[in-house]
Amino acid sequence: MTGETWTFKKVLDESLKMAKMLYDAGIRQNDVVSIISENRSEYVSVAYGTLFLNATLAPINYTYTERKCSLTLIISSSSVIKPHSFIY
């Protein structure tokens, strides 16, 4: 626990920023966005930002092996992978 607090306004503002970043990266309606990240409070903005674009979020556990990650990407047909450094 970080003790960090997010207000509804902060969630909305950060989610809209993420939606714009994803849109600028070419994400559109019905695309599948995968993210490989540890649990972080900022993860919420990725989820909502993806949903605001009417896209699908396919999270990938950051502890997965390379093989599991590859299989997950194939099964989900993800159009983009956003590593945590892109977000934070």
Protein backbone atom coordinates (compact mmCIF):
# COMPACT_ATOMS: atom_id res chain seq x y z
CA MET A 1 0.00 0.00 0.00
CA THR A 2 1.34 3.37 -1.01
CA GLY A 3 -1.12 5.50 0.91
CA GLU A 4 -1.82 7.38 -2.32
CA THR A 5 -5.36 8.69 -2.75
CA TRP A 6 -7.13 9.15 -6.08
CA THR A 7 -10.24 11.30 -6.31
CA PHE A 8 -12.94 10.60 -8.89
CA LYS A 9 -11.75 13.72 -10.71
CA LYS A 10 -8.18 12.45 -10.84
CA VAL A 11 -9.35 9.07 -12.15
CA LEU A 12 -11.37 10.82 -14.86
CA ASP A 13 -8.59 13.26 -15.81
CA GLU A 14 -5.90 10.55 -15.97
CA SER A 15 -8.22 8.21 -17.90
CA LEU A 16 -8.99 10.89 -20.49
CA LYS A 17 -5.25 11.58 -20.88
CA MET A 18 -4.64 7.86 -21.38
CA ALA A 19 -7.48 7.63 -23.91
CA LYS A 20 -5.86 10.43 -25.91
CA MET A 21 -2.44 8.75 -25.73
CA LEU A 22 -3.94 5.48 -26.94
CA TYR A 23 -5.92 7.22 -29.68
CA ASP A 24 -2.79 9.06 -30.83
CA ALA A 25 -1.03 5.67 -30.91
CA GLY A 26 -3.68 4.40 -33.33
CA ILE A 27 -6.05 2.56 -31.00
CA ARG A 28 -9.64 2.58 -32.24
CA GLN A 29 -12.99 0.99 -31.43
CA ASN A 30 -12.85 -2.82 -31.12
CA ASP A 31 -9.04 -2.92 -30.89
CA VAL A 32 -7.51 -5.02 -28.14
CA VAL A 33 -4.95 -3.35 -25.88
CA SER A 34 -2.62 -5.47 -23.75
CA ILE A 35 -0.64 -4.15 -20.84
CA ILE A 36 2.10 -5.88 -18.93
CA SER A 37 2.46 -4.21 -15.56
CA GLU A 38 2.72 -4.82 -11.86
CA ASN A 39 -0.22 -3.70 -9.77
CA ARG A 40 -0.24 0.07 -9.58
CA SER A 41 -2.87 2.68 -8.92
CA GLU A 42 -2.26 4.19 -12.38
CA TYR A 43 -3.50 0.95 -13.92
CA VAL A 44 -7.06 2.25 -13.48
CA SER A 45 -6.44 5.05 -16.00
CA VAL A 46 -5.30 2.50 -18.59
CA ALA A 47 -8.43 0.41 -18.07
CA TYR A 48 -10.83 3.34 -18.29
CA GLY A 49 -8.87 5.03 -21.08
CA THR A 50 -9.18 1.85 -23.12
CA LEU A 51 -12.90 1.59 -22.37
CA PHE A 52 -13.46 5.25 -23.32
CA LEU A 53 -12.23 4.32 -26.81
CA ASN A 54 -14.63 1.36 -26.89
CA ALA A 55 -11.62 -0.94 -27.09
CA THR A 56 -10.91 -4.08 -25.06
CA LEU A 57 -8.28 -4.40 -22.35
CA ALA A 58 -6.39 -7.71 -22.19
CA PRO A 59 -4.12 -7.48 -19.14
CA ILE A 60 -1.07 -9.71 -18.96
CA ASN A 61 0.46 -10.76 -15.65
CA TYR A 62 3.96 -9.31 -15.42
CA THR A 63 5.20 -12.53 -13.81
CA TYR A 64 4.34 -14.60 -16.89
CA THR A 65 7.16 -16.32 -18.71
CA GLU A 66 7.98 -15.18 -22.24
CA ARG A 67 6.10 -18.20 -23.60
CA LYS A 68 2.96 -17.42 -21.59
CA CYS A 69 3.09 -13.79 -22.68
CA SER A 70 3.40 -14.82 -26.31
CA LEU A 71 0.47 -17.21 -26.05
CA THR A 72 -1.66 -14.58 -24.33
CA LEU A 73 -0.91 -12.06 -27.07
CA ILE A 74 -1.77 -14.59 -29.77
CA ILE A 75 -5.03 -15.63 -28.10
CA SER A 76 -6.13 -12.04 -27.40
CA SER A 77 -5.09 -10.71 -30.84
CA SER A 78 -3.77 -7.58 -29.14
CA SER A 79 -3.05 -4.64 -31.36
CA VAL A 80 -0.64 -2.95 -28.97
CA ILE A 81 1.38 -3.69 -25.87
CA LYS A 82 1.88 -0.88 -23.40
CA PRO A 83 4.72 -1.50 -20.96
CA HIS A 84 4.43 0.20 -17.59
CA SER A 85 7.12 2.73 -18.52
CA PHE A 86 4.82 4.12 -21.23
CA ILE A 87 2.16 4.82 -18.65
CA TYR A 88 3.99 6.08 -15.57
